[in-house]
Amino acid sequence: MRALEEVLRDWEAVIGLEIHAELTTLETKMFCGCKLEFGAPPNTHTCPVCLGLPGALPVPNKAAIESIVLAGLATNCDIERRSMFYRKNYMYPDMAKNFQTTQGPVAFCMRGHLDLAVDGPAARERVDAAALSEGEARGNIVRTAEGYTAHVGITRIHMEEDAGKMVHVGGGEGRIAGATHSLVDYNRAGTPLIELVTEPDLRTPEEARLFMQKLRQIYLAIGISDCSMEEGSLRCDGNVSLRRRGEAEFGVKTELKNMNSFKNLHDGLAYEICRQAEVLEEGGRVLQETRHWDPSAKRTIVMRTKETADDYRLFPEPDLAPYDLSEEFIEHVRAKLPELPDARAARFERDFGLSPYDARHLVESAEVAVFFEACMDEAAAEAGALAKPVANLLINDVTAHLNAHAGEALADLPLTPARAVELVRLVSEDAISSKQGKEVFAAVLAEDKDPADIVEARGMRQVSDAGAIEAVVDAVLAANPDKVAQYQGGKTGLIGFFVGQCMKEMRGQGNPKVINELLAKRLG
């Protein structure tokens, strides 16, 4: 198959997402009082209601309704005053009652949107963005200095109950293919689940990945879910089709089911785009079907022919009356909205002079954003000057450490806001070099000591006195007249040699910036 970049020059991908989030911060299931508990012994949290036994009647979880309204308000949705539940019928062992209670075409939350800032390598997948000048708009995108902003519509966010968990025994990687038998755990059946459906506004795998990441940040900020992709409380189905560039009609779409990581979502969509292009370019026909992304084989596999709405035989849930939301209820929920990631990023730009890139990356983690603000409080009058280096420390060094040590939290590290500010202050004052700063950062984590104490104990403090450095520079140049002649003859790369010799003479304690300045002055 051709590479994704080549394919996207000829074809336009049309992508829509269906993102499911379990409301894990609630205590009970959607329509019964069974406890929500991940990892409990199988089938220990079930009752006649979630098992669908005759005569058992569902009762909606009010807290779950509050959560979905909160999600709708946080994603710019209109909140529908009246909506209702339906039965979605299918025969499968993960739902004992053989139907799922869900919402129909009118959900609690309708007609929302999110705006994605796409920059750096992520922006290169969008071919039509490269042709625009800064500030120019086309379709749902606006060109920016760093990349572009994409406006992505949200069709609806609807409420439903999750199905149980199937455990396939004997197959590869827990898949049904090759399994000798299957087990069913109904603990998860009936868990409150919200599903966000986007408009088909996404055009690249990177946009899909960024959209899901942004939604996860929002859900974490409003506290409705732990959004653990490893535990399945946040997962995504991706719908993708192709059309020739310049054409308006949609192609036949396929669905990638249950993407459980941002990487899998990106890579699965990228493969499927390339696969569909190959089929169409060879004169074949793309079939509407559900496919599974196999990350080990790096390909998609057919699961089943895609169902249509008729296959589900949707009809109003006879045991639940239509749900009417009052203005008082909606405003009560609105009052619970915290500062959302976009608003926090805008405040960081405004109050601390950060770039949009730095501000956006700081708010990707609520924990990191809170830590940054604590650093700014610690820096006090120096906040404006130290904001950028503190942001760099958090975005680069701290994030890299946390990524390399899964399970660790920022709060568990010996790095406190006071120590972070002290470290960046040492670098900004040229007491240590930026390279030494990384060494001190590692030492803080390993030894649980203050940066200044580490610098003093290791004799790392830089010499910045121009007079002392000038004497060393003169001595080095006098000792290497041949190298000086070569440098002045055009071999300017020798500057590194001279800096190295000066640092050697000063046992690594010379300020490289001052050394470079004096060498440039002496060498002409």
Protein backbone atom coordinates (compact mmCIF):
# COMPACT_ATOMS: atom_id res chain seq x y z
CA MET A 1 0.00 0.00 0.00
CA ARG A 2 1.02 3.60 -0.56
CA ALA A 3 2.06 5.80 2.36
CA LEU A 4 -0.60 7.93 4.05
CA GLU A 5 0.97 11.21 2.86
CA GLU A 6 0.80 10.06 -0.77
CA VAL A 7 -2.77 8.82 -0.45
CA LEU A 8 -4.00 12.09 1.09
CA ARG A 9 -2.64 14.05 -1.87
CA ASP A 10 -5.14 12.26 -4.13
CA TRP A 11 -7.94 11.34 -1.76
CA GLU A 12 -9.81 13.19 0.97
CA ALA A 13 -10.68 11.19 4.07
CA VAL A 14 -14.04 11.86 5.73
CA ILE A 15 -13.94 10.82 9.38
CA GLY A 16 -16.56 10.79 12.12
CA LEU A 17 -16.10 9.53 15.66
CA GLU A 18 -18.37 7.86 18.21
CA ILE A 19 -16.72 8.25 21.60
CA HIS A 20 -18.06 6.30 24.56
CA ALA A 21 -17.30 7.31 28.14
CA GLU A 22 -18.42 5.42 31.22
CA LEU A 23 -19.53 7.70 34.06
CA THR A 24 -17.13 6.05 36.48
CA THR A 25 -17.33 8.76 39.15
CA LEU A 26 -20.92 7.73 39.95
CA GLU A 27 -21.69 5.15 42.62
CA THR A 28 -24.46 3.12 40.97
CA LYS A 29 -25.59 1.90 37.56
CA MET A 30 -27.88 3.76 35.18
CA PHE A 31 -31.23 2.13 35.97
CA CYS A 32 -30.65 0.23 39.21
CA GLY A 33 -28.82 0.48 42.53
CA CYS A 34 -26.00 -1.95 41.74
CA LYS A 35 -22.55 -0.68 42.71
CA LEU A 36 -20.08 0.48 40.07
CA GLU A 37 -16.70 -1.14 40.76
CA PHE A 38 -14.01 -1.92 38.21
CA GLY A 39 -12.24 -5.24 38.81
CA ALA A 40 -14.82 -6.74 41.18
CA PRO A 41 -15.26 -10.54 41.05
CA PRO A 42 -17.38 -11.46 38.00
CA ASN A 43 -21.16 -11.18 38.32
CA THR A 44 -21.15 -9.86 41.89
CA HIS A 45 -22.83 -6.52 41.08
CA THR A 46 -26.03 -7.57 39.33
CA CYS A 47 -29.76 -7.50 40.09
CA PRO A 48 -33.07 -8.30 38.38
CA VAL A 49 -33.12 -4.85 36.70
CA CYS A 50 -29.70 -4.95 35.00
CA LEU A 51 -30.20 -8.62 34.14
CA GLY A 52 -33.60 -7.82 32.61
CA LEU A 53 -35.59 -10.34 34.65
CA PRO A 54 -39.41 -10.30 34.21
CA GLY A 55 -41.23 -7.69 36.28
CA ALA A 56 -38.12 -5.61 37.13
CA LEU A 57 -38.55 -1.92 36.31
CA PRO A 58 -35.76 0.61 35.61
CA VAL A 59 -35.38 3.89 37.52
CA PRO A 60 -33.13 6.57 35.91
CA ASN A 61 -30.04 7.71 37.81
CA LYS A 62 -30.45 11.46 38.35
CA ALA A 63 -26.72 11.97 38.90
CA ALA A 64 -26.04 10.40 35.51
CA ILE A 65 -28.42 12.88 33.85
CA GLU A 66 -26.57 15.72 35.56
CA SER A 67 -23.27 14.33 34.23
CA ILE A 68 -24.41 14.19 30.62
CA VAL A 69 -25.84 17.72 30.79
CA LEU A 70 -22.51 18.88 32.24
CA ALA A 71 -20.73 17.20 29.31
CA GLY A 72 -23.08 18.91 26.86
CA LEU A 73 -22.54 22.35 28.36
CA ALA A 74 -18.76 21.82 28.31
CA THR A 75 -18.85 20.96 24.59
CA ASN A 76 -21.09 23.84 23.46
CA CYS A 77 -24.20 21.68 22.98
CA ASP A 78 -27.82 22.74 23.09
CA ILE A 79 -29.56 20.99 25.98
CA GLU A 80 -32.86 19.49 24.85
CA ARG A 81 -35.70 20.09 27.26
CA ARG A 82 -37.48 16.87 26.29
CA SER A 83 -35.96 13.56 25.22
CA MET A 84 -36.68 9.90 25.74
CA PHE A 85 -35.15 6.45 25.94
CA TYR A 86 -35.48 3.67 23.40
CA ARG A 87 -34.83 -0.04 23.28
CA LYS A 88 -32.04 -1.04 20.90
CA ASN A 89 -32.58 -4.73 20.25
CA TYR A 90 -29.87 -7.22 19.46
CA MET A 91 -29.17 -10.82 20.34
CA TYR A 92 -25.77 -11.09 22.02
CA PRO A 93 -24.72 -12.65 25.33
CA ASP A 94 -23.15 -9.46 26.74
CA MET A 95 -26.65 -8.08 27.46
CA ALA A 96 -28.80 -10.57 29.37
CA LYS A 97 -32.06 -8.81 28.48
CA ASN A 98 -31.20 -8.82 24.73
CA PHE A 99 -31.70 -5.07 24.35
CA GLN A 100 -29.85 -1.93 25.33
CA THR A 101 -31.62 1.10 26.77
CA THR A 102 -30.40 4.13 24.84
CA GLN A 103 -31.63 7.42 23.40
CA GLY A 104 -33.03 7.98 19.93
CA PRO A 105 -32.52 10.79 17.40
CA VAL A 106 -33.22 13.47 20.03
CA ALA A 107 -30.75 13.20 22.90
CA PHE A 108 -30.10 15.22 26.03
CA CYS A 109 -27.32 17.14 24.22
CA MET A 110 -27.54 18.24 20.59
CA ARG A 111 -25.65 20.43 18.07
CA GLY A 112 -22.36 21.14 19.82
CA HIS A 113 -18.80 21.74 18.62
CA LEU A 114 -15.13 21.80 19.59
CA ASP A 115 -12.31 23.72 17.93
CA LEU A 116 -9.00 21.91 17.46
CA ALA A 117 -5.64 23.65 17.32
CA VAL A 118 -3.49 21.56 14.98
CA ASP A 119 0.18 22.43 14.63
CA GLY A 120 3.64 20.95 14.16
CA PRO A 121 3.90 17.52 12.50
CA ALA A 122 0.17 16.93 13.10
CA ALA A 123 -0.73 19.75 10.70
CA ARG A 124 1.17 18.21 7.79
CA GLU A 125 -1.47 15.51 7.22
CA ARG A 126 -3.99 18.16 6.16
CA VAL A 127 -3.02 18.83 2.54
CA ASP A 128 -5.50 21.67 1.89
CA ALA A 129 -4.28 23.63 4.95
CA ALA A 130 -0.79 24.06 3.50
CA ALA A 131 -2.17 26.06 0.57
CA LEU A 132 -3.73 28.71 2.82
CA SER A 133 -2.11 31.89 4.10
CA GLU A 134 -2.32 32.86 7.78
CA GLY A 135 -5.85 33.92 8.71
CA GLU A 136 -7.37 32.45 5.52
CA ALA A 137 -10.35 30.10 5.95
CA ARG A 138 -11.55 27.19 3.84
CA GLY A 139 -14.28 24.77 4.81
CA ASN A 140 -14.03 24.12 8.53
CA ILE A 141 -10.41 25.27 8.97
CA VAL A 142 -8.61 28.57 9.50
CA ARG A 143 -4.87 28.85 8.90
CA THR A 144 -2.78 29.97 11.88
CA ALA A 145 0.90 30.81 12.30
CA GLU A 146 1.59 27.40 13.85
CA GLY A 147 -0.77 25.30 11.70
CA TYR A 148 -4.56 25.61 11.57
CA THR A 149 -7.72 25.52 13.68
CA ALA A 150 -10.42 23.00 12.75
CA HIS A 151 -14.08 23.48 13.73
CA VAL A 152 -15.59 20.05 14.47
CA GLY A 153 -19.34 19.70 14.87
CA ILE A 154 -20.94 17.43 17.46
CA THR A 155 -24.19 15.85 16.34
CA ARG A 156 -25.28 14.77 19.81
CA ILE A 157 -24.27 13.27 23.14
CA HIS A 158 -26.73 10.61 24.17
CA MET A 159 -27.13 8.47 27.26
CA GLU A 160 -27.19 4.69 27.24
CA GLU A 161 -26.20 1.75 29.38
CA ASP A 162 -23.02 -0.22 28.81
CA ALA A 163 -23.04 -3.91 27.96
CA GLY A 164 -21.36 -6.67 29.97
CA LYS A 165 -17.85 -7.92 29.34
CA MET A 166 -17.04 -10.92 27.17
CA VAL A 167 -13.89 -12.92 27.98
CA HIS A 168 -12.82 -15.17 25.10
CA VAL A 169 -10.66 -18.10 26.18
CA GLY A 170 -8.18 -19.77 23.86
CA GLY A 171 -7.97 -17.13 21.14
CA GLY A 172 -5.13 -14.77 20.36
CA GLU A 173 -4.95 -11.62 22.54
CA GLY A 174 -8.36 -12.36 24.05
CA ARG A 175 -10.12 -12.14 20.67
CA ILE A 176 -13.03 -14.33 19.68
CA ALA A 177 -11.14 -15.66 16.65
CA GLY A 178 -9.76 -19.08 17.60
CA ALA A 179 -11.34 -19.08 21.07
CA THR A 180 -12.55 -22.39 22.48
CA HIS A 181 -15.21 -20.83 24.71
CA SER A 182 -16.39 -17.47 26.07
CA LEU A 183 -17.28 -16.20 29.54
CA VAL A 184 -19.63 -13.34 30.40
CA ASP A 185 -19.30 -10.87 33.29
CA TYR A 186 -22.46 -8.78 33.79
CA ASN A 187 -20.95 -6.41 36.37
CA ARG A 188 -20.50 -3.76 33.68
CA ALA A 189 -23.98 -4.27 32.19
CA GLY A 190 -26.08 -1.21 33.02
CA THR A 191 -23.12 1.12 33.70
CA PRO A 192 -24.06 4.72 32.76
CA LEU A 193 -22.44 5.46 29.42
CA ILE A 194 -22.50 8.61 27.31
CA GLU A 195 -21.75 8.50 23.60
CA LEU A 196 -20.61 11.59 21.70
CA VAL A 197 -21.15 11.48 17.94
CA THR A 198 -19.28 13.97 15.77
CA GLU A 199 -20.25 15.36 12.42
CA PRO A 200 -18.11 13.96 9.56
CA ASP A 201 -15.83 17.02 9.86
CA LEU A 202 -12.50 15.34 10.58
CA ARG A 203 -10.13 14.86 7.67
CA THR A 204 -6.98 13.26 9.06
CA PRO A 205 -6.04 10.62 11.65
CA GLU A 206 -4.20 13.33 13.57
CA GLU A 207 -7.36 15.43 13.85
CA ALA A 208 -9.23 12.38 15.15
CA ARG A 209 -6.53 11.73 17.74
CA LEU A 210 -6.47 15.38 18.85
CA PHE A 211 -10.27 15.50 19.12
CA MET A 212 -10.36 12.48 21.39
CA GLN A 213 -7.50 13.83 23.49
CA LYS A 214 -9.28 17.15 23.90
CA LEU A 215 -12.55 15.49 24.84
CA ARG A 216 -10.72 13.41 27.44
CA GLN A 217 -9.25 16.58 28.95
CA ILE A 218 -12.73 18.11 29.17
CA TYR A 219 -14.31 15.02 30.77
CA LEU A 220 -11.50 14.87 33.33
CA ALA A 221 -11.87 18.58 34.07
CA ILE A 222 -15.60 18.29 34.76
CA GLY A 223 -15.08 15.10 36.76
CA ILE A 224 -17.58 12.75 35.13
CA SER A 225 -15.21 9.88 34.29
CA ASP A 226 -11.71 8.62 35.01
CA CYS A 227 -11.36 8.24 31.20
CA SER A 228 -9.10 5.20 31.60
CA MET A 229 -8.57 3.81 28.12
CA GLU A 230 -6.73 0.82 29.57
CA GLU A 231 -9.75 -0.13 31.67
CA GLY A 232 -12.21 0.61 28.87
CA SER A 233 -13.99 3.58 30.44
CA LEU A 234 -13.11 5.67 27.37
CA ARG A 235 -13.16 4.09 23.93
CA CYS A 236 -13.83 5.17 20.39
CA ASP A 237 -15.35 3.90 17.14
CA GLY A 238 -14.04 5.58 14.02
CA ASN A 239 -16.03 5.85 10.77
CA VAL A 240 -13.99 6.62 7.66
CA SER A 241 -14.63 6.88 3.92
CA LEU A 242 -12.72 8.30 0.97
CA ARG A 243 -13.58 10.57 -1.91
CA ARG A 244 -11.45 12.05 -4.66
CA ARG A 245 -10.21 15.53 -3.85
CA GLY A 246 -12.65 18.12 -5.13
CA GLU A 247 -15.65 15.77 -4.99
CA ALA A 248 -18.58 16.46 -2.67
CA GLU A 249 -20.29 13.06 -2.46
CA PHE A 250 -19.34 10.80 0.44
CA GLY A 251 -17.86 7.39 -0.21
CA VAL A 252 -18.83 4.12 1.48
CA LYS A 253 -17.66 4.12 5.08
CA THR A 254 -16.22 1.42 7.29
CA GLU A 255 -16.26 1.46 11.08
CA LEU A 256 -13.24 0.71 13.26
CA LYS A 257 -14.56 -0.66 16.53
CA ASN A 258 -13.39 0.00 20.09
CA MET A 259 -10.14 1.90 19.66
CA ASN A 260 -8.67 1.93 23.18
CA SER A 261 -5.69 4.25 22.78
CA PHE A 262 -4.88 7.45 20.92
CA LYS A 263 -2.16 5.68 18.96
CA ASN A 264 -4.48 2.85 17.94
CA LEU A 265 -7.08 5.38 16.78
CA HIS A 266 -4.53 7.21 14.64
CA ASP A 267 -2.84 4.10 13.26
CA GLY A 268 -6.10 2.24 12.62
CA LEU A 269 -7.57 5.15 10.66
CA ALA A 270 -4.31 5.68 8.76
CA TYR A 271 -4.23 2.02 7.70
CA GLU A 272 -7.89 2.01 6.73
CA ILE A 273 -7.47 5.14 4.59
CA CYS A 274 -4.58 3.52 2.73
CA ARG A 275 -6.46 0.21 2.40
CA GLN A 276 -9.57 1.87 0.98
CA ALA A 277 -7.47 3.87 -1.48
CA GLU A 278 -5.82 0.68 -2.71
CA VAL A 279 -9.21 -1.03 -3.16
CA LEU A 280 -10.66 1.92 -5.08
CA GLU A 281 -7.57 2.47 -7.24
CA GLU A 282 -7.65 -1.18 -8.28
CA GLY A 283 -11.27 -0.81 -9.38
CA GLY A 284 -12.76 -2.53 -6.34
CA ARG A 285 -15.63 -1.53 -4.09
CA VAL A 286 -15.43 -0.60 -0.41
CA LEU A 287 -17.99 -2.50 1.65
CA GLN A 288 -19.87 -1.00 4.59
CA GLU A 289 -18.60 -3.16 7.42
CA THR A 290 -17.26 -3.14 10.95
CA ARG A 291 -13.54 -3.82 11.25
CA HIS A 292 -11.10 -4.44 14.09
CA TRP A 293 -7.64 -2.85 14.29
CA ASP A 294 -4.98 -5.41 15.18
CA PRO A 295 -2.01 -3.41 16.51
CA SER A 296 0.36 -6.39 16.47
CA ALA A 297 -0.36 -7.23 12.83
CA LYS A 298 -0.81 -3.50 12.00
CA ARG A 299 -3.89 -4.09 9.88
CA THR A 300 -7.68 -4.02 10.10
CA ILE A 301 -9.73 -7.22 10.10
CA VAL A 302 -13.38 -7.65 9.12
CA MET A 303 -15.66 -8.33 12.09
CA ARG A 304 -19.11 -8.17 10.53
CA THR A 305 -21.22 -6.44 7.91
CA LYS A 306 -22.40 -3.15 9.35
CA GLU A 307 -25.85 -3.08 10.90
CA THR A 308 -28.35 -0.38 10.00
CA ALA A 309 -30.86 1.30 12.30
CA ASP A 310 -33.55 -1.08 11.02
CA ASP A 311 -31.52 -4.04 12.27
CA TYR A 312 -31.83 -2.76 15.83
CA ARG A 313 -35.66 -2.43 15.71
CA LEU A 314 -35.58 0.74 17.84
CA PHE A 315 -38.79 1.64 19.67
CA PRO A 316 -39.60 3.83 22.70
CA GLU A 317 -38.80 2.25 26.05
CA PRO A 318 -42.26 1.42 27.47
CA ASP A 319 -41.02 1.35 31.08
CA LEU A 320 -39.56 4.90 31.02
CA ALA A 321 -41.52 8.11 30.51
CA PRO A 322 -40.08 10.94 28.38
CA TYR A 323 -37.56 12.98 30.34
CA ASP A 324 -38.28 16.71 30.81
CA LEU A 325 -35.42 18.96 31.93
CA SER A 326 -36.37 22.22 33.62
CA GLU A 327 -34.47 25.49 33.26
CA GLU A 328 -33.79 25.30 36.98
CA PHE A 329 -32.16 21.87 36.61
CA ILE A 330 -29.99 22.99 33.67
CA GLU A 331 -28.82 26.13 35.47
CA HIS A 332 -28.09 24.06 38.57
CA VAL A 333 -25.78 21.89 36.45
CA ARG A 334 -24.25 24.90 34.66
CA ALA A 335 -23.18 26.30 38.03
CA LYS A 336 -20.98 23.22 38.49
CA LEU A 337 -18.89 23.92 35.40
CA PRO A 338 -15.23 24.44 36.34
CA GLU A 339 -12.70 26.39 34.29
CA LEU A 340 -12.32 24.32 31.11
CA PRO A 341 -8.96 23.56 29.45
CA ASP A 342 -9.39 26.11 26.62
CA ALA A 343 -10.28 28.89 29.07
CA ARG A 344 -7.35 27.98 31.31
CA ALA A 345 -4.95 27.98 28.34
CA ALA A 346 -6.22 31.42 27.26
CA ARG A 347 -5.65 32.70 30.80
CA PHE A 348 -2.09 31.32 30.82
CA GLU A 349 -1.41 33.18 27.58
CA ARG A 350 -2.92 36.39 28.89
CA ASP A 351 -1.52 36.37 32.44
CA PHE A 352 1.91 34.84 31.88
CA GLY A 353 2.72 35.67 28.26
CA LEU A 354 2.94 32.03 27.18
CA SER A 355 2.64 30.99 23.55
CA PRO A 356 -0.56 29.18 22.48
CA TYR A 357 1.53 26.01 22.03
CA ASP A 358 2.94 26.09 25.57
CA ALA A 359 -0.38 27.03 27.17
CA ARG A 360 -2.24 24.26 25.34
CA HIS A 361 0.28 21.61 26.34
CA LEU A 362 0.27 22.69 29.98
CA VAL A 363 -3.50 22.20 30.26
CA GLU A 364 -3.42 18.75 28.67
CA SER A 365 -3.05 17.46 32.23
CA ALA A 366 -5.03 19.12 35.00
CA GLU A 367 -2.33 18.04 37.46
CA VAL A 368 0.40 19.75 35.42
CA ALA A 369 -1.69 22.91 35.00
CA VAL A 370 -2.31 23.17 38.75
CA PHE A 371 1.41 22.59 39.41
CA PHE A 372 2.31 25.36 36.95
CA GLU A 373 0.00 27.83 38.70
CA ALA A 374 1.56 26.90 42.05
CA CYS A 375 4.96 27.63 40.50
CA MET A 376 3.78 31.03 39.35
CA ASP A 377 2.52 31.81 42.86
CA GLU A 378 5.93 30.76 44.19
CA ALA A 379 7.75 32.93 41.63
CA ALA A 380 5.63 35.97 42.62
CA ALA A 381 7.16 39.08 41.01
CA GLU A 382 9.31 36.94 38.72
CA ALA A 383 6.33 35.01 37.33
CA GLY A 384 6.44 36.74 33.96
CA ALA A 385 10.15 36.08 33.47
CA LEU A 386 10.09 32.50 34.73
CA ALA A 387 6.80 31.35 33.12
CA LYS A 388 8.41 30.17 29.89
CA PRO A 389 11.29 28.18 31.49
CA VAL A 390 8.90 26.64 34.05
CA ALA A 391 6.56 25.66 31.20
CA ASN A 392 9.49 24.10 29.32
CA LEU A 393 10.50 22.12 32.41
CA LEU A 394 6.98 20.75 32.84
CA ILE A 395 6.21 20.10 29.18
CA ASN A 396 9.56 18.47 28.38
CA ASP A 397 11.40 17.05 31.40
CA VAL A 398 8.54 16.33 33.79
CA THR A 399 6.23 14.93 31.12
CA ALA A 400 9.03 12.73 29.73
CA HIS A 401 9.71 11.35 33.22
CA LEU A 402 6.03 10.61 33.87
CA ASN A 403 5.65 8.94 30.47
CA ALA A 404 8.67 6.75 31.20
CA HIS A 405 7.38 5.79 34.65
CA ALA A 406 3.80 4.68 34.16
CA GLY A 407 1.75 4.88 37.33
CA GLU A 408 3.72 7.74 38.87
CA ALA A 409 1.89 10.99 39.52
CA LEU A 410 3.40 14.46 39.61
CA ALA A 411 2.27 14.81 43.22
CA ASP A 412 4.40 11.77 44.14
CA LEU A 413 7.65 13.28 42.82
CA PRO A 414 10.17 15.08 45.05
CA LEU A 415 9.86 18.03 42.67
CA THR A 416 7.79 20.70 44.42
CA PRO A 417 6.73 24.05 42.92
CA ALA A 418 9.38 25.77 45.07
CA ARG A 419 12.10 23.44 43.78
CA ALA A 420 10.95 23.83 40.17
CA VAL A 421 11.15 27.62 40.44
CA GLU A 422 14.53 27.42 42.16
CA LEU A 423 15.86 25.17 39.38
CA VAL A 424 14.75 27.40 36.50
CA ARG A 425 15.99 30.47 38.38
CA LEU A 426 19.48 28.89 38.66
CA VAL A 427 19.52 28.37 34.90
CA SER A 428 18.10 31.79 34.04
CA GLU A 429 20.68 33.49 36.25
CA ASP A 430 23.46 31.52 34.53
CA ALA A 431 24.43 29.90 37.83
CA ILE A 432 24.28 26.61 35.90
CA SER A 433 23.92 25.80 32.21
CA SER A 434 20.79 24.37 30.65
CA LYS A 435 22.61 21.05 30.28
CA GLN A 436 23.49 21.11 33.97
CA GLY A 437 19.87 21.99 34.68
CA LYS A 438 18.79 18.61 33.32
CA GLU A 439 21.40 16.92 35.52
CA VAL A 440 20.12 18.78 38.58
CA PHE A 441 16.49 17.90 37.69
CA ALA A 442 17.40 14.20 37.63
CA ALA A 443 19.25 14.58 40.92
CA VAL A 444 16.27 16.25 42.59
CA LEU A 445 14.12 13.25 41.68
CA ALA A 446 16.77 10.72 42.72
CA GLU A 447 18.00 12.36 45.94
CA ASP A 448 14.99 14.40 47.12
CA LYS A 449 17.16 17.49 47.69
CA ASP A 450 16.83 21.17 46.81
CA PRO A 451 18.45 22.23 43.49
CA ALA A 452 20.74 24.80 45.15
CA ASP A 453 22.08 22.18 47.58
CA ILE A 454 22.79 19.79 44.70
CA VAL A 455 24.61 22.51 42.77
CA GLU A 456 26.80 23.40 45.75
CA ALA A 457 27.52 19.79 46.72
CA ARG A 458 28.65 18.95 43.19
CA GLY A 459 30.54 22.17 42.61
CA MET A 460 28.45 22.94 39.55
CA ARG A 461 28.03 26.68 39.94
CA GLN A 462 29.25 28.41 36.78
CA VAL A 463 31.95 31.06 36.65
CA SER A 464 30.55 34.04 34.76
CA ASP A 465 33.17 36.63 35.70
CA ALA A 466 34.40 38.04 32.38
CA GLY A 467 37.85 38.82 33.75
CA ALA A 468 38.50 35.26 34.95
CA ILE A 469 37.18 33.74 31.72
CA GLU A 470 39.11 36.22 29.58
CA ALA A 471 42.40 34.99 31.01
CA VAL A 472 41.51 31.38 30.19
CA VAL A 473 40.43 32.30 26.65
CA ASP A 474 43.69 34.13 26.00
CA ALA A 475 45.68 31.17 27.31
CA VAL A 476 43.81 28.66 25.13
CA LEU A 477 44.25 30.77 22.00
CA ALA A 478 47.94 31.29 22.73
CA ALA A 479 48.41 27.55 23.15
CA ASN A 480 46.76 26.74 19.80
CA PRO A 481 48.07 29.21 17.17
CA ASP A 482 47.62 26.69 14.35
CA LYS A 483 43.94 26.26 15.20
CA VAL A 484 43.50 30.02 15.42
CA ALA A 485 44.96 30.40 11.92
CA GLN A 486 42.67 27.67 10.57
CA TYR A 487 39.63 29.33 12.17
CA GLN A 488 40.51 32.71 10.72
CA GLY A 489 41.09 30.99 7.40
CA GLY A 490 37.43 29.89 7.27
CA LYS A 491 37.17 26.79 9.46
CA THR A 492 34.66 28.39 11.84
CA GLY A 493 33.57 24.98 13.11
CA LEU A 494 36.66 25.05 15.30
CA ILE A 495 34.78 27.31 17.71
CA GLY A 496 33.57 24.13 19.40
CA PHE A 497 37.18 23.06 19.95
CA PHE A 498 38.06 26.36 21.62
CA VAL A 499 34.98 26.28 23.86
CA GLY A 500 35.80 22.72 24.86
CA GLN A 501 39.37 23.64 25.76
CA CYS A 502 38.22 26.58 27.84
CA MET A 503 35.66 24.44 29.67
CA LYS A 504 38.38 21.84 30.30
CA GLU A 505 40.67 24.46 31.82
CA MET A 506 37.82 25.67 34.05
CA ARG A 507 36.82 22.11 35.05
CA GLY A 508 33.41 22.54 33.42
CA GLN A 509 32.46 25.57 35.50
CA GLY A 510 32.87 28.29 32.88
CA ASN A 511 29.75 29.95 31.54
CA PRO A 512 29.55 28.72 27.90
CA LYS A 513 27.68 31.85 26.81
CA VAL A 514 30.39 34.18 28.15
CA ILE A 515 33.12 31.93 26.73
CA ASN A 516 31.52 32.05 23.28
CA GLU A 517 31.17 35.81 23.42
CA LEU A 518 34.82 36.34 24.39
CA LEU A 519 36.09 33.86 21.80
CA ALA A 520 34.07 35.60 19.07
CA LYS A 521 35.55 38.92 20.15
CA ARG A 522 39.14 37.62 20.22
CA LEU A 523 38.94 35.64 16.98
CA GLY A 524 37.41 38.53 15.08
